[in-house]
Protein backbone atom coordinates (compact mmCIF):
# COMPACT_ATOMS: atom_id res chain seq x y z
CA MET A 1 -24.08 2.28 89.19
CA ASN A 2 -23.58 6.01 88.72
CA GLU A 3 -26.42 7.78 86.89
CA LYS A 4 -26.07 10.96 84.85
CA GLU A 5 -28.65 13.00 82.96
CA PHE A 6 -28.12 15.37 80.03
CA ILE A 7 -30.46 17.61 78.01
CA ALA A 8 -29.84 18.08 74.28
CA GLN A 9 -29.40 21.76 73.39
CA LYS A 10 -29.43 21.15 69.64
CA GLU A 11 -30.28 18.49 67.08
CA ILE A 12 -27.41 16.00 67.19
CA ARG A 13 -26.60 12.28 66.92
CA LEU A 14 -26.81 10.45 70.23
CA ASP A 15 -23.26 9.03 70.07
CA ILE A 16 -21.74 12.41 69.20
CA PHE A 17 -23.75 14.11 71.95
CA LEU A 18 -22.61 11.66 74.63
CA SER A 19 -19.03 11.70 73.38
CA GLU A 20 -19.02 15.47 73.97
CA GLN A 21 -20.82 15.33 77.31
CA LEU A 22 -18.75 12.51 78.77
CA ASP A 23 -15.48 13.54 77.09
CA GLU A 24 -15.03 10.01 75.82
CA THR A 25 -14.31 8.41 72.45
CA ARG A 26 -17.22 7.48 70.19
CA ASN A 27 -16.05 3.86 70.42
CA GLN A 28 -16.50 3.85 74.21
CA VAL A 29 -19.88 5.56 73.90
CA ASP A 30 -21.00 2.98 71.32
CA HIS A 31 -20.17 0.17 73.77
CA LEU A 32 -22.22 1.90 76.46
CA ILE A 33 -25.22 2.33 74.16
CA LYS A 34 -25.10 -1.25 72.82
CA LYS A 35 -25.04 -2.65 76.36
CA GLY A 36 -28.29 -0.86 77.18
CA PHE A 37 -26.89 1.67 79.65
CA VAL A 38 -28.36 4.65 77.74
CA THR A 39 -32.02 5.72 77.57
CA VAL A 40 -33.61 8.62 75.71
CA GLU A 41 -36.75 10.00 77.37
CA ASN A 42 -36.69 6.85 79.54
CA LYS A 43 -37.04 4.59 76.49
CA LYS A 44 -34.69 1.62 76.24
CA LYS A 45 -32.87 0.31 73.16
CA ALA A 46 -31.34 3.58 72.04
CA LYS A 47 -29.15 3.45 68.94
CA SER A 48 -25.90 5.33 68.37
CA GLY A 49 -27.20 7.03 65.24
CA LEU A 50 -30.43 8.27 66.86
CA LYS A 51 -30.96 11.97 66.11
CA LEU A 52 -31.81 13.88 69.28
CA ASN A 53 -34.22 16.77 69.26
CA ILE A 54 -33.75 19.93 71.31
CA GLY A 55 -34.81 19.39 74.93
CA GLN A 56 -34.71 15.59 74.91
CA LYS A 57 -33.38 13.98 78.09
CA VAL A 58 -30.63 11.38 77.88
CA THR A 59 -29.95 9.20 80.93
CA VAL A 60 -26.72 7.25 81.28
CA GLN A 61 -26.02 4.48 83.78
CA LEU A 62 -22.26 4.20 84.31
CA PRO A 63 -21.42 0.62 85.37
CA GLN A 64 -18.60 -0.41 87.66
CA VAL A 65 -15.46 -1.65 85.94
CA VAL A 66 -14.91 -5.39 86.13
CA LYS A 67 -11.19 -6.09 86.27
CA LYS A 68 -9.65 -9.34 85.03
CA GLU A 69 -6.44 -10.89 86.29
CA ALA A 70 -3.49 -10.67 83.90
CA LEU A 71 -2.04 -13.86 82.45
CA ASP A 72 1.62 -14.60 83.05
CA VAL A 73 3.73 -12.89 80.39
CA ASP A 74 6.80 -14.59 78.86
CA PHE A 75 7.84 -11.73 76.57
CA ASP A 76 9.03 -8.17 76.97
CA VAL A 77 8.23 -5.04 74.98
CA ASP A 78 10.63 -2.20 74.24
CA ILE A 79 9.42 1.21 75.36
CA VAL A 80 10.50 3.76 72.73
CA PHE A 81 9.04 6.78 74.52
CA GLU A 82 7.09 7.39 77.72
CA ASP A 83 5.82 10.33 79.73
CA GLU A 84 2.89 10.74 82.11
CA TYR A 85 0.36 10.93 79.27
CA PHE A 86 1.26 8.23 76.74
CA MET A 87 3.87 5.72 75.66
CA VAL A 88 5.18 4.44 72.33
CA LEU A 89 5.99 0.72 72.20
CA ASN A 90 7.85 -1.49 69.75
CA LYS A 91 5.57 -4.55 69.63
CA PRO A 92 7.37 -7.81 68.85
CA SER A 93 6.06 -10.11 66.15
CA GLY A 94 4.00 -12.98 67.56
CA VAL A 95 2.29 -10.93 70.26
CA ILE A 96 -1.50 -10.46 70.07
CA VAL A 97 -2.63 -6.97 71.11
CA HIS A 98 -5.73 -7.91 73.11
CA GLY A 99 -7.65 -10.99 74.10
CA ALA A 100 -10.73 -12.65 72.62
CA ALA A 101 -12.74 -15.77 73.39
CA SER A 102 -10.42 -17.85 71.17
CA VAL A 103 -7.18 -16.37 72.55
CA LYS A 104 -5.58 -18.44 75.31
CA GLU A 105 -2.11 -16.89 75.35
CA ALA A 106 -0.82 -13.75 77.05
CA THR A 107 -1.38 -10.55 75.07
CA LEU A 108 0.01 -7.04 74.98
CA VAL A 109 -2.85 -6.04 77.29
CA ASP A 110 -1.59 -8.58 79.84
CA TRP A 111 1.86 -6.97 79.60
CA LEU A 112 0.28 -3.54 80.13
CA LYS A 113 -1.56 -4.84 83.19
CA LYS A 114 1.78 -5.97 84.61
CA GLN A 115 3.01 -2.40 84.03
CA ASN A 116 -0.07 -1.06 85.87
CA ILE A 117 -1.33 0.74 82.76
CA SER A 118 -5.10 0.83 83.26
CA LEU A 119 -7.57 3.51 82.25
CA SER A 120 -11.01 4.16 83.67
CA THR A 121 -13.87 3.28 81.37
CA ILE A 122 -17.50 4.26 80.96
CA SER A 123 -18.64 0.95 79.45
CA GLY A 124 -17.85 -1.35 82.38
CA GLU A 125 -14.92 -2.96 80.57
CA GLU A 126 -11.35 -2.64 81.70
CA ARG A 127 -9.18 -1.02 79.03
CA HIS A 128 -5.52 -0.25 78.78
CA GLY A 129 -5.01 2.70 76.49
CA ILE A 130 -4.93 0.82 73.18
CA VAL A 131 -5.24 3.59 70.59
CA HIS A 132 -4.60 1.48 67.47
CA ARG A 133 -3.59 -2.10 66.76
CA LEU A 134 -1.16 -4.32 64.88
CA ASP A 135 -1.76 -7.87 63.66
CA LYS A 136 -0.14 -10.66 65.68
CA GLY A 137 2.60 -11.24 63.11
CA THR A 138 3.32 -7.56 62.49
CA SER A 139 6.03 -5.88 64.53
CA GLY A 140 6.63 -2.21 65.22
CA LEU A 141 5.32 0.99 66.72
CA MET A 142 2.11 1.38 68.72
CA VAL A 143 0.72 4.19 70.87
CA ILE A 144 -0.67 3.52 74.35
CA ALA A 145 -2.58 6.27 76.21
CA LYS A 146 -1.98 6.52 79.96
CA THR A 147 -4.83 8.93 80.77
CA ASN A 148 -8.40 9.21 79.55
CA ASP A 149 -7.79 12.73 78.25
CA ALA A 150 -4.77 11.57 76.25
CA HIS A 151 -6.78 8.61 74.92
CA VAL A 152 -9.55 10.86 73.60
CA LYS A 153 -7.10 13.26 71.93
CA LEU A 154 -4.91 10.55 70.41
CA SER A 155 -7.99 8.75 69.06
CA SER A 156 -9.11 12.02 67.49
CA GLN A 157 -5.75 12.26 65.73
CA LEU A 158 -6.37 8.88 64.14
CA GLU A 159 -9.65 10.18 62.77
CA ASP A 160 -8.29 13.47 61.43
CA LYS A 161 -5.07 11.80 60.12
CA THR A 162 -2.65 13.89 62.19
CA MET A 163 -1.39 10.55 63.53
CA GLY A 164 -0.11 7.89 61.18
CA ARG A 165 2.47 5.19 60.52
CA TYR A 166 4.78 4.18 57.70
CA TYR A 167 5.37 0.46 57.27
CA LEU A 168 8.27 -1.48 55.77
CA ALA A 169 7.65 -4.81 54.05
CA ILE A 170 9.60 -7.25 51.90
CA THR A 171 7.61 -8.58 48.94
CA ASP A 172 7.97 -11.68 46.77
CA LEU A 173 7.99 -9.61 43.57
CA PRO A 174 8.97 -5.99 42.90
CA LEU A 175 6.31 -3.37 42.33
CA LYS A 176 6.08 -2.22 38.73
CA ASN A 177 5.74 1.36 39.90
CA ASN A 178 4.95 3.34 43.01
CA ILE A 179 1.21 2.98 43.37
CA THR A 180 -1.78 4.11 45.44
CA ILE A 181 -4.61 1.59 45.75
CA THR A 182 -8.15 2.62 46.67
CA GLN A 183 -10.38 -0.44 47.05
CA PRO A 184 -13.12 -1.21 49.63
CA ILE A 185 -12.30 -3.92 52.18
CA GLY A 186 -14.60 -6.27 54.06
CA ARG A 187 -14.74 -9.84 55.36
CA ASN A 188 -13.93 -12.36 52.63
CA PRO A 189 -17.20 -14.24 51.98
CA ASN A 190 -15.31 -17.45 51.11
CA ASN A 191 -12.83 -17.47 53.99
CA ARG A 192 -13.72 -15.92 57.34
CA LEU A 193 -10.06 -15.74 58.33
CA LYS A 194 -9.35 -13.32 55.50
CA MET A 195 -10.40 -9.87 54.44
CA GLY A 196 -10.98 -9.05 50.79
CA ILE A 197 -12.07 -6.51 48.21
CA VAL A 198 -15.86 -6.52 48.46
CA PRO A 199 -18.30 -4.14 46.72
CA HIS A 200 -19.94 -2.88 49.91
CA GLY A 201 -16.84 -2.99 52.11
CA LYS A 202 -15.38 -0.05 54.01
CA SER A 203 -13.38 2.46 51.98
CA ALA A 204 -9.63 1.82 52.11
CA LYS A 205 -6.62 3.60 50.63
CA THR A 206 -2.95 2.58 50.74
CA ALA A 207 0.11 4.10 49.05
CA PHE A 208 3.17 1.97 48.23
CA VAL A 209 6.65 3.13 47.20
CA LYS A 210 9.70 1.17 46.04
CA LEU A 211 12.78 1.37 48.26
CA ALA A 212 15.35 -1.32 47.42
CA LEU A 213 15.59 -4.26 45.00
CA SER A 214 17.29 -7.51 46.00
CA LYS A 215 20.48 -8.67 44.29
CA ASN A 216 18.58 -11.29 42.26
CA GLU A 217 15.79 -8.75 41.55
CA GLN A 218 13.21 -11.17 42.96
CA PHE A 219 12.45 -9.43 46.27
CA GLU A 220 11.83 -5.79 47.10
CA LEU A 221 11.84 -3.70 50.25
CA ILE A 222 8.85 -1.36 50.01
CA ALA A 223 7.18 1.20 52.24
CA ALA A 224 3.44 1.56 52.77
CA LYS A 225 1.35 4.43 54.08
CA LEU A 226 -2.22 3.92 55.30
CA PHE A 227 -4.88 6.55 54.75
CA THR A 228 -7.48 4.31 56.43
CA GLY A 229 -7.14 1.63 59.10
CA ARG A 230 -8.85 -1.54 57.86
CA THR A 231 -7.97 -5.03 59.08
CA HIS A 232 -5.16 -6.58 56.97
CA GLN A 233 -5.32 -3.53 54.68
CA ILE A 234 -1.72 -3.58 53.37
CA ARG A 235 -1.85 -7.32 52.75
CA VAL A 236 -5.22 -7.21 50.98
CA HIS A 237 -4.26 -4.30 48.72
CA LEU A 238 -0.97 -5.95 47.73
CA GLU A 239 -2.86 -9.12 46.82
CA THR A 240 -4.91 -7.12 44.29
CA ILE A 241 -1.72 -6.49 42.27
CA GLN A 242 -0.42 -10.06 42.71
CA ARG A 243 2.25 -9.04 45.20
CA HIS A 244 2.62 -10.71 48.59
CA ILE A 245 4.61 -10.02 51.73
CA LEU A 246 7.13 -12.73 52.51
CA GLY A 247 5.65 -15.19 54.98
CA ASP A 248 2.06 -14.15 54.29
CA SER A 249 0.66 -17.51 53.19
CA LEU A 250 -2.88 -16.41 54.12
CA TYR A 251 -2.79 -13.88 51.28
CA GLY A 252 -0.95 -15.89 48.65
CA PHE A 253 2.77 -16.11 49.51
CA LYS A 254 4.01 -19.49 48.24
CA GLY A 255 7.69 -19.36 49.23
CA ASN A 256 9.64 -21.23 51.89
CA THR A 257 7.67 -20.84 55.10
CA ASP A 258 10.13 -23.07 56.98
CA LYS A 259 12.75 -20.30 56.89
CA ILE A 260 10.37 -17.33 56.98
CA LYS A 261 8.44 -17.77 60.21
CA ARG A 262 6.15 -14.74 60.07
CA VAL A 263 4.83 -11.97 57.83
CA TYR A 264 7.69 -9.57 57.03
CA LEU A 265 5.73 -6.41 57.84
CA HIS A 266 6.99 -3.80 60.29
CA ALA A 267 5.46 -0.52 61.51
CA TYR A 268 8.68 1.48 61.11
CA CYS A 269 7.75 5.11 61.63
CA LEU A 270 5.06 6.83 63.72
CA TYR A 271 4.13 10.51 63.65
CA LEU A 272 1.68 12.33 65.92
CA LYS A 273 1.10 15.46 67.98
CA HIS A 274 1.63 15.31 71.71
CA PRO A 275 -1.90 14.93 73.12
CA ILE A 276 -1.39 17.68 75.71
CA THR A 277 1.28 20.09 74.37
CA GLY A 278 0.48 19.73 70.66
CA GLU A 279 4.18 19.26 69.83
CA ASP A 280 4.89 17.44 66.54
CA MET A 281 6.60 14.14 67.33
CA LYS A 282 8.09 11.38 65.18
CA PHE A 283 9.51 8.00 66.14
CA ASP A 284 11.12 5.15 64.23
CA VAL A 285 12.47 1.71 65.06
CA LYS A 286 14.82 -0.41 63.00
CA LEU A 287 13.81 -3.67 61.38
CA PRO A 288 13.63 -6.63 63.77
CA GLU A 289 16.41 -9.21 63.54
CA ASP A 290 14.61 -11.66 61.24
CA MET A 291 13.85 -9.02 58.58
CA LYS A 292 17.27 -7.40 59.03
CA SER A 293 19.01 -10.75 58.51
CA PHE A 294 17.01 -11.46 55.36
CA TYR A 295 17.90 -8.01 54.03
CA LYS A 296 21.62 -8.54 54.66
CA ASP A 297 21.56 -11.91 52.89
CA ASN A 298 19.62 -10.80 49.82
CA PHE A 299 20.16 -7.08 49.25
CA ASP A 300 23.23 -4.95 48.52
CA GLY A 301 24.69 -3.38 51.64
CA ASP A 302 24.69 -4.75 55.16
CA ASP A 303 22.25 -2.29 56.67
CA TYR A 304 19.14 -0.85 54.98
CA SER A 305 19.19 2.09 57.42
CA GLU A 306 22.40 3.53 55.94
CA GLU A 307 20.38 5.07 53.12
CA ILE A 308 16.76 4.28 53.92
CA ASP A 309 15.72 6.33 56.94
CA ASN A 310 12.73 8.25 58.24
CA GLU A 311 13.36 11.35 56.12
CA PHE A 312 14.07 9.32 52.98
CA ILE A 313 10.77 7.43 53.25
CA THR A 314 8.75 10.56 54.01
CA THR A 315 10.24 12.31 50.99
CA LYS A 316 9.48 9.30 48.78
CA PHE A 317 5.78 9.50 49.67
CA ASN A 318 5.64 13.28 49.35
CA ASN A 319 7.05 13.02 45.83
CA ASN A 320 4.83 10.15 44.67
CA ILE A 321 1.37 10.67 46.18
């Protein structure tokens, strides 16, 4: 155990104070506080939101990291970009990002362990640079930090919205119009597997734009932009207007799930600033084969990317939000 002491020089929340002193994310600091490794004036059970007074002493016990062996991995992940500070991955559908008590299969974190991507941590837990997540069934772009400094700066970009993603999805009915939905999201009280619109949920905002209509006018390729990052946000907000992503039986899709094996949702475009140089960067990855094949069979034109590209989608949102 490594012990550190800090003195508050101004009135400030405990979690913000430690985030500044330790140069760590608030999320990591919250873990440290909840595990009882932080005392204020030698009193246990500190809370993240505690307001410190000038001159108060904060003591932090930094635990040793407990490393876990990686599971055998039977999948590969495409690396879209990599330097010494971070990497951009194209996560395949069907891969869970990180483990939990109920997860028995190999995850993206296991793959990262095999790549020797491992960051130091202040909370005693091994972590692997996960900056943001994607659902198991969702494919597409993710950012992985390779240094603690990069992790802090990339996480800050999520908070101030200088980092973001555009998603492509195929829906079971066309949108009536381009639309922005602002509805609070929380755990569905009637089904713990689902999220839902709940009065006291967390604020959530999603914009949707129409891109291409299928030949029979039943399906539509749409793009979505998140202004917040709630669990299942795109799927929940579409359900509020009686639209569903193909394959998303959890949120109301009633089509042929024998042919459509997963939710047709893909994180297509990612924009951010380089965490060290500040350079504006943008990445995109084409639709995976299952979505691409469905598009070719049901929409005009063999390849959506002939007309629908990064610039086209960005312009669509700029003109409709």
